[in-house]
Amino acid sequence: MKFKLIPFVIAFALIFTAAVPAQAAPQTYTFDPNHTYVLWHVSHFGFSNPSGKWLANGTLTLDDAKPQDSKVNVTIKMDSLATGIPELDEHLKGDNFFDIKQFPTATFVSDKVTLDGSKTAKVHGILTVHGVSKPVTLNITLNKVGMSIITNKKTVGFSGSTTLNRSDFGVSTFLPGVGDEVKIEIEAEAN
């Protein structure tokens, strides 16, 4: 009787093993430059908190099996700066602030991901702005993973935030009137 069950057990084991999917390899996504941006807010002499935004592009490598091994590499196009006030845009692009002729891009390259919850994480990395590189931690929320009805591609959407001091990156014009602390918000879609 034992010997009659052996082929059944072997067949069951083979079927079960074939039914278990192999762990997916990490997937690389490209940020959609039309839906990926960095928004900033800074105090203007305590009267208001104007904002502006830059467009960004780059790649995101997601590892579903080991999310902590995921990677982000983003380039921010400094000449895309938009505040809604053309004269202010030109002033901020000039050598008193971001000096985009000398520093046309800023970058963020992750070096560590720490999971906070099922849809939240801290992404640690190096931010380079105005030729200065500093460690920065982004607070990230995963908004959605699914097929985009626009691109018909698998898409990942995130929101993020952090706060930094602009003087740490050599941008110190009009301190302390124009605030040192800059609040950053990030919206990103990658497919």
C-alpha atoms as a PDB file:
ATOM      1  CA  MET A   1       0.000   0.000   0.000  1.00  0.00           C
ATOM      2  CA  LYS A   2       2.858   2.382   0.846  1.00  0.00           C
ATOM      3  CA  PHE A   3       4.448   1.863  -2.560  1.00  0.00           C
ATOM      4  CA  LYS A   4       1.165   2.651  -4.372  1.00  0.00           C
ATOM      5  CA  LEU A   5       0.973   6.080  -2.657  1.00  0.00           C
ATOM      6  CA  ILE A   6       4.510   7.125  -3.603  1.00  0.00           C
ATOM      7  CA  PRO A   7       3.674   8.024  -7.252  1.00  0.00           C
ATOM      8  CA  PHE A   8       0.632   9.997  -6.041  1.00  0.00           C
ATOM      9  CA  VAL A   9       2.741  11.927  -3.502  1.00  0.00           C
ATOM     10  CA  ILE A  10       5.414  12.675  -6.111  1.00  0.00           C
ATOM     11  CA  ALA A  11       2.802  13.846  -8.640  1.00  0.00           C
ATOM     12  CA  PHE A  12       1.133  16.066  -5.998  1.00  0.00           C
ATOM     13  CA  ALA A  13       4.496  17.572  -5.019  1.00  0.00           C
ATOM     14  CA  LEU A  14       5.330  18.336  -8.667  1.00  0.00           C
ATOM     15  CA  ILE A  15       1.936  19.955  -9.298  1.00  0.00           C
ATOM     16  CA  PHE A  16       2.142  21.998  -6.090  1.00  0.00           C
ATOM     17  CA  THR A  17       5.677  23.181  -6.882  1.00  0.00           C
ATOM     18  CA  ALA A  18       4.669  24.222 -10.404  1.00  0.00           C
ATOM     19  CA  ALA A  19       1.658  26.132  -9.048  1.00  0.00           C
ATOM     20  CA  VAL A  20       3.770  28.280  -6.697  1.00  0.00           C
ATOM     21  CA  PRO A  21       4.963  31.313  -8.688  1.00  0.00           C
ATOM     22  CA  ALA A  22       8.641  32.116  -8.749  1.00  0.00           C
ATOM     23  CA  GLN A  23       9.556  35.283  -6.918  1.00  0.00           C
ATOM     24  CA  ALA A  24       9.382  38.204  -9.285  1.00  0.00           C
ATOM     25  CA  ALA A  25      12.609  39.895 -10.205  1.00  0.00           C
ATOM     26  CA  PRO A  26      12.922  43.587  -9.357  1.00  0.00           C
ATOM     27  CA  GLN A  27      11.211  45.788 -11.968  1.00  0.00           C
ATOM     28  CA  THR A  28      12.561  49.096 -13.253  1.00  0.00           C
ATOM     29  CA  TYR A  29      10.075  51.881 -13.967  1.00  0.00           C
ATOM     30  CA  THR A  30      10.679  55.221 -15.683  1.00  0.00           C
ATOM     31  CA  PHE A  31       9.222  58.329 -14.068  1.00  0.00           C
ATOM     32  CA  ASP A  32       6.617  60.049 -16.210  1.00  0.00           C
ATOM     33  CA  PRO A  33       7.985  63.604 -16.646  1.00  0.00           C
ATOM     34  CA  ASN A  34       4.436  64.947 -17.097  1.00  0.00           C
ATOM     35  CA  HIS A  35       3.299  63.566 -13.738  1.00  0.00           C
ATOM     36  CA  THR A  36       6.463  63.759 -11.642  1.00  0.00           C
ATOM     37  CA  TYR A  37       7.456  66.967  -9.892  1.00  0.00           C
ATOM     38  CA  VAL A  38       8.982  68.536  -6.802  1.00  0.00           C
ATOM     39  CA  LEU A  39       6.948  71.295  -5.137  1.00  0.00           C
ATOM     40  CA  TRP A  40       8.545  73.649  -2.591  1.00  0.00           C
ATOM     41  CA  HIS A  41       7.262  76.204  -0.058  1.00  0.00           C
ATOM     42  CA  VAL A  42       9.356  78.830   1.751  1.00  0.00           C
ATOM     43  CA  SER A  43       8.552  81.748   4.053  1.00  0.00           C
ATOM     44  CA  HIS A  44       8.665  85.192   2.416  1.00  0.00           C
ATOM     45  CA  PHE A  45       9.628  87.527   5.260  1.00  0.00           C
ATOM     46  CA  GLY A  46       6.934  85.883   7.397  1.00  0.00           C
ATOM     47  CA  PHE A  47       4.124  87.373   5.292  1.00  0.00           C
ATOM     48  CA  SER A  48       3.372  84.386   3.068  1.00  0.00           C
ATOM     49  CA  ASN A  49       4.694  80.997   1.993  1.00  0.00           C
ATOM     50  CA  PRO A  50       5.119  81.124  -1.779  1.00  0.00           C
ATOM     51  CA  SER A  51       5.726  77.960  -3.718  1.00  0.00           C
ATOM     52  CA  GLY A  52       7.215  76.760  -6.948  1.00  0.00           C
ATOM     53  CA  LYS A  53       7.834  73.494  -8.680  1.00  0.00           C
ATOM     54  CA  TRP A  54      10.341  71.654 -10.801  1.00  0.00           C
ATOM     55  CA  LEU A  55       9.758  68.780 -13.190  1.00  0.00           C
ATOM     56  CA  ALA A  56      11.749  65.611 -12.645  1.00  0.00           C
ATOM     57  CA  ASN A  57      12.623  62.370 -14.411  1.00  0.00           C
ATOM     58  CA  GLY A  58      14.583  59.224 -13.648  1.00  0.00           C
ATOM     59  CA  THR A  59      14.097  55.604 -12.684  1.00  0.00           C
ATOM     60  CA  LEU A  60      12.630  53.558  -9.875  1.00  0.00           C
ATOM     61  CA  THR A  61      13.569  49.928  -9.312  1.00  0.00           C
ATOM     62  CA  LEU A  62      10.968  48.153  -7.172  1.00  0.00           C
ATOM     63  CA  ASP A  63      11.726  44.850  -5.537  1.00  0.00           C
ATOM     64  CA  ASP A  64       8.400  43.319  -4.431  1.00  0.00           C
ATOM     65  CA  ALA A  65      10.133  40.478  -2.602  1.00  0.00           C
ATOM     66  CA  LYS A  66      12.499  42.824  -0.741  1.00  0.00           C
ATOM     67  CA  PRO A  67      11.019  46.351  -0.839  1.00  0.00           C
ATOM     68  CA  GLN A  68      13.901  47.597   1.307  1.00  0.00           C
ATOM     69  CA  ASP A  69      16.206  46.871  -1.665  1.00  0.00           C
ATOM     70  CA  SER A  70      14.283  49.202  -4.002  1.00  0.00           C
ATOM     71  CA  LYS A  71      16.196  52.100  -5.612  1.00  0.00           C
ATOM     72  CA  VAL A  72      15.396  55.618  -6.828  1.00  0.00           C
ATOM     73  CA  ASN A  73      17.488  57.794  -9.135  1.00  0.00           C
ATOM     74  CA  VAL A  74      15.943  61.171  -9.999  1.00  0.00           C
ATOM     75  CA  THR A  75      17.123  64.197 -11.962  1.00  0.00           C
ATOM     76  CA  ILE A  76      15.411  67.530 -11.332  1.00  0.00           C
ATOM     77  CA  LYS A  77      15.498  69.947 -14.272  1.00  0.00           C
ATOM     78  CA  MET A  78      16.280  73.266 -12.581  1.00  0.00           C
ATOM     79  CA  ASP A  79      15.342  75.311 -15.663  1.00  0.00           C
ATOM     80  CA  SER A  80      11.768  73.961 -15.376  1.00  0.00           C
ATOM     81  CA  LEU A  81      11.260  76.094 -12.238  1.00  0.00           C
ATOM     82  CA  ALA A  82       7.754  77.582 -12.256  1.00  0.00           C
ATOM     83  CA  THR A  83       6.219  79.858  -9.625  1.00  0.00           C
ATOM     84  CA  GLY A  84       3.506  81.366 -11.807  1.00  0.00           C
ATOM     85  CA  ILE A  85       5.411  84.688 -11.811  1.00  0.00           C
ATOM     86  CA  PRO A  86       7.819  84.825 -14.790  1.00  0.00           C
ATOM     87  CA  GLU A  87       9.993  87.599 -13.268  1.00  0.00           C
ATOM     88  CA  LEU A  88      10.414  85.600 -10.048  1.00  0.00           C
ATOM     89  CA  ASP A  89      11.244  82.466 -12.040  1.00  0.00           C
ATOM     90  CA  GLU A  90      14.092  84.294 -13.799  1.00  0.00           C
ATOM     91  CA  HIS A  91      15.316  85.780 -10.494  1.00  0.00           C
ATOM     92  CA  LEU A  92      15.401  82.345  -8.820  1.00  0.00           C
ATOM     93  CA  LYS A  93      17.154  80.777 -11.827  1.00  0.00           C
ATOM     94  CA  GLY A  94      19.883  83.452 -11.636  1.00  0.00           C
ATOM     95  CA  ASP A  95      23.192  83.332  -9.791  1.00  0.00           C
ATOM     96  CA  ASN A  96      21.741  84.801  -6.557  1.00  0.00           C
ATOM     97  CA  PHE A  97      19.742  81.627  -6.015  1.00  0.00           C
ATOM     98  CA  PHE A  98      19.969  78.440  -8.103  1.00  0.00           C
ATOM     99  CA  ASP A  99      22.424  79.588 -10.794  1.00  0.00           C
ATOM    100  CA  ILE A 100      21.007  77.200 -13.373  1.00  0.00           C
ATOM    101  CA  LYS A 101      23.686  78.063 -15.946  1.00  0.00           C
ATOM    102  CA  GLN A 102      26.291  76.503 -13.664  1.00  0.00           C
ATOM    103  CA  PHE A 103      23.979  73.939 -12.001  1.00  0.00           C
ATOM    104  CA  PRO A 104      21.325  72.925 -14.582  1.00  0.00           C
ATOM    105  CA  THR A 105      20.203  69.847 -12.662  1.00  0.00           C
ATOM    106  CA  ALA A 106      19.755  68.567  -9.138  1.00  0.00           C
ATOM    107  CA  THR A 107      19.759  64.848  -8.332  1.00  0.00           C
ATOM    108  CA  PHE A 108      18.509  62.442  -5.692  1.00  0.00           C
ATOM    109  CA  VAL A 109      19.997  58.944  -5.494  1.00  0.00           C
ATOM    110  CA  SER A 110      18.658  56.602  -2.829  1.00  0.00           C
ATOM    111  CA  ASP A 111      20.934  54.436  -0.723  1.00  0.00           C
ATOM    112  CA  LYS A 112      18.475  52.879   1.756  1.00  0.00           C
ATOM    113  CA  VAL A 113      14.745  52.196   2.120  1.00  0.00           C
ATOM    114  CA  THR A 114      13.172  51.676   5.541  1.00  0.00           C
ATOM    115  CA  LEU A 115       9.591  50.391   5.595  1.00  0.00           C
ATOM    116  CA  ASP A 116       7.207  52.111   8.038  1.00  0.00           C
ATOM    117  CA  GLY A 117       4.019  50.278   7.108  1.00  0.00           C
ATOM    118  CA  SER A 118       2.363  48.457   4.241  1.00  0.00           C
ATOM    119  CA  LYS A 119       2.266  51.621   2.106  1.00  0.00           C
ATOM    120  CA  THR A 120       4.769  53.963   3.769  1.00  0.00           C
ATOM    121  CA  ALA A 121       8.539  54.120   3.839  1.00  0.00           C
ATOM    122  CA  LYS A 122      11.489  56.382   4.471  1.00  0.00           C
ATOM    123  CA  VAL A 123      13.767  56.644   1.453  1.00  0.00           C
ATOM    124  CA  HIS A 124      17.253  57.772   2.415  1.00  0.00           C
ATOM    125  CA  GLY A 125      19.670  59.112  -0.141  1.00  0.00           C
ATOM    126  CA  ILE A 126      21.946  61.872  -1.350  1.00  0.00           C
ATOM    127  CA  LEU A 127      20.438  65.091  -2.694  1.00  0.00           C
ATOM    128  CA  THR A 128      22.720  67.262  -4.807  1.00  0.00           C
ATOM    129  CA  VAL A 129      21.582  70.857  -5.340  1.00  0.00           C
ATOM    130  CA  HIS A 130      23.705  73.843  -6.390  1.00  0.00           C
ATOM    131  CA  GLY A 131      26.767  71.576  -6.501  1.00  0.00           C
ATOM    132  CA  VAL A 132      26.389  70.502  -2.842  1.00  0.00           C
ATOM    133  CA  SER A 133      25.547  66.913  -1.840  1.00  0.00           C
ATOM    134  CA  LYS A 134      23.827  66.146   1.476  1.00  0.00           C
ATOM    135  CA  PRO A 135      21.942  63.184   2.956  1.00  0.00           C
ATOM    136  CA  VAL A 136      18.160  63.609   2.891  1.00  0.00           C
ATOM    137  CA  THR A 137      15.307  61.368   4.036  1.00  0.00           C
ATOM    138  CA  LEU A 138      12.038  61.368   2.109  1.00  0.00           C
ATOM    139  CA  ASN A 139       8.758  60.290   3.739  1.00  0.00           C
ATOM    140  CA  ILE A 140       7.037  58.275   1.002  1.00  0.00           C
ATOM    141  CA  THR A 141       3.494  56.953   0.626  1.00  0.00           C
ATOM    142  CA  LEU A 142       2.645  54.401  -2.055  1.00  0.00           C
ATOM    143  CA  ASN A 143      -0.590  55.639  -3.649  1.00  0.00           C
ATOM    144  CA  LYS A 144      -1.335  52.916  -6.168  1.00  0.00           C
ATOM    145  CA  VAL A 145       0.123  50.143  -8.303  1.00  0.00           C
ATOM    146  CA  GLY A 146      -1.879  49.103 -11.368  1.00  0.00           C
ATOM    147  CA  MET A 147      -2.497  49.447 -15.074  1.00  0.00           C
ATOM    148  CA  SER A 148      -2.759  53.036 -16.299  1.00  0.00           C
ATOM    149  CA  ILE A 149      -5.741  53.623 -18.572  1.00  0.00           C
ATOM    150  CA  ILE A 150      -3.697  56.373 -20.265  1.00  0.00           C
ATOM    151  CA  THR A 151      -0.499  54.453 -21.094  1.00  0.00           C
ATOM    152  CA  ASN A 152      -1.818  50.883 -20.805  1.00  0.00           C
ATOM    153  CA  LYS A 153       1.316  50.111 -18.770  1.00  0.00           C
ATOM    154  CA  LYS A 154       1.824  48.967 -15.207  1.00  0.00           C
ATOM    155  CA  THR A 155       2.195  52.192 -13.225  1.00  0.00           C
ATOM    156  CA  VAL A 156       3.291  53.056  -9.707  1.00  0.00           C
ATOM    157  CA  GLY A 157       2.265  56.295  -7.981  1.00  0.00           C
ATOM    158  CA  PHE A 158       3.869  57.909  -4.923  1.00  0.00           C
ATOM    159  CA  SER A 159       3.597  61.014  -2.763  1.00  0.00           C
ATOM    160  CA  GLY A 160       6.515  62.204  -0.662  1.00  0.00           C
ATOM    161  CA  SER A 161       7.712  64.979   1.591  1.00  0.00           C
ATOM    162  CA  THR A 162      10.722  66.287   3.458  1.00  0.00           C
ATOM    163  CA  THR A 163      12.024  69.502   4.971  1.00  0.00           C
ATOM    164  CA  LEU A 164      15.508  70.884   4.405  1.00  0.00           C
ATOM    165  CA  ASN A 165      17.528  74.059   4.932  1.00  0.00           C
ATOM    166  CA  ARG A 166      18.470  75.787   1.697  1.00  0.00           C
ATOM    167  CA  SER A 167      21.612  77.241   3.280  1.00  0.00           C
ATOM    168  CA  ASP A 168      22.939  73.670   3.634  1.00  0.00           C
ATOM    169  CA  PHE A 169      23.112  73.650  -0.162  1.00  0.00           C
ATOM    170  CA  GLY A 170      24.778  77.056  -0.541  1.00  0.00           C
ATOM    171  CA  VAL A 171      21.570  78.930  -1.388  1.00  0.00           C
ATOM    172  CA  SER A 172      21.497  81.674   1.235  1.00  0.00           C
ATOM    173  CA  THR A 173      20.382  84.895  -0.521  1.00  0.00           C
ATOM    174  CA  PHE A 174      18.102  87.078   1.646  1.00  0.00           C
ATOM    175  CA  LEU A 175      18.448  84.944   4.799  1.00  0.00           C
ATOM    176  CA  PRO A 176      16.767  85.165   7.254  1.00  0.00           C
ATOM    177  CA  GLY A 177      14.003  87.213   5.570  1.00  0.00           C
ATOM    178  CA  VAL A 178      13.372  84.565   2.949  1.00  0.00           C
ATOM    179  CA  GLY A 179      13.193  81.456   5.116  1.00  0.00           C
ATOM    180  CA  ASP A 180      15.958  78.921   5.387  1.00  0.00           C
ATOM    181  CA  GLU A 181      13.567  76.019   5.955  1.00  0.00           C
ATOM    182  CA  VAL A 182      12.048  74.693   2.735  1.00  0.00           C
ATOM    183  CA  LYS A 183       9.117  72.303   2.770  1.00  0.00           C
ATOM    184  CA  ILE A 184       9.228  69.840  -0.108  1.00  0.00           C
ATOM    185  CA  GLU A 185       6.322  67.838  -1.560  1.00  0.00           C
ATOM    186  CA  ILE A 186       6.798  65.226  -4.273  1.00  0.00           C
ATOM    187  CA  GLU A 187       4.277  63.639  -6.606  1.00  0.00           C
ATOM    188  CA  ALA A 188       5.491  60.880  -8.893  1.00  0.00           C
ATOM    189  CA  GLU A 189       4.162  58.372 -11.397  1.00  0.00           C
ATOM    190  CA  ALA A 190       6.416  55.781 -12.977  1.00  0.00           C
ATOM    191  CA  ASN A 191       5.650  53.132 -15.599  1.00  0.00           C
END
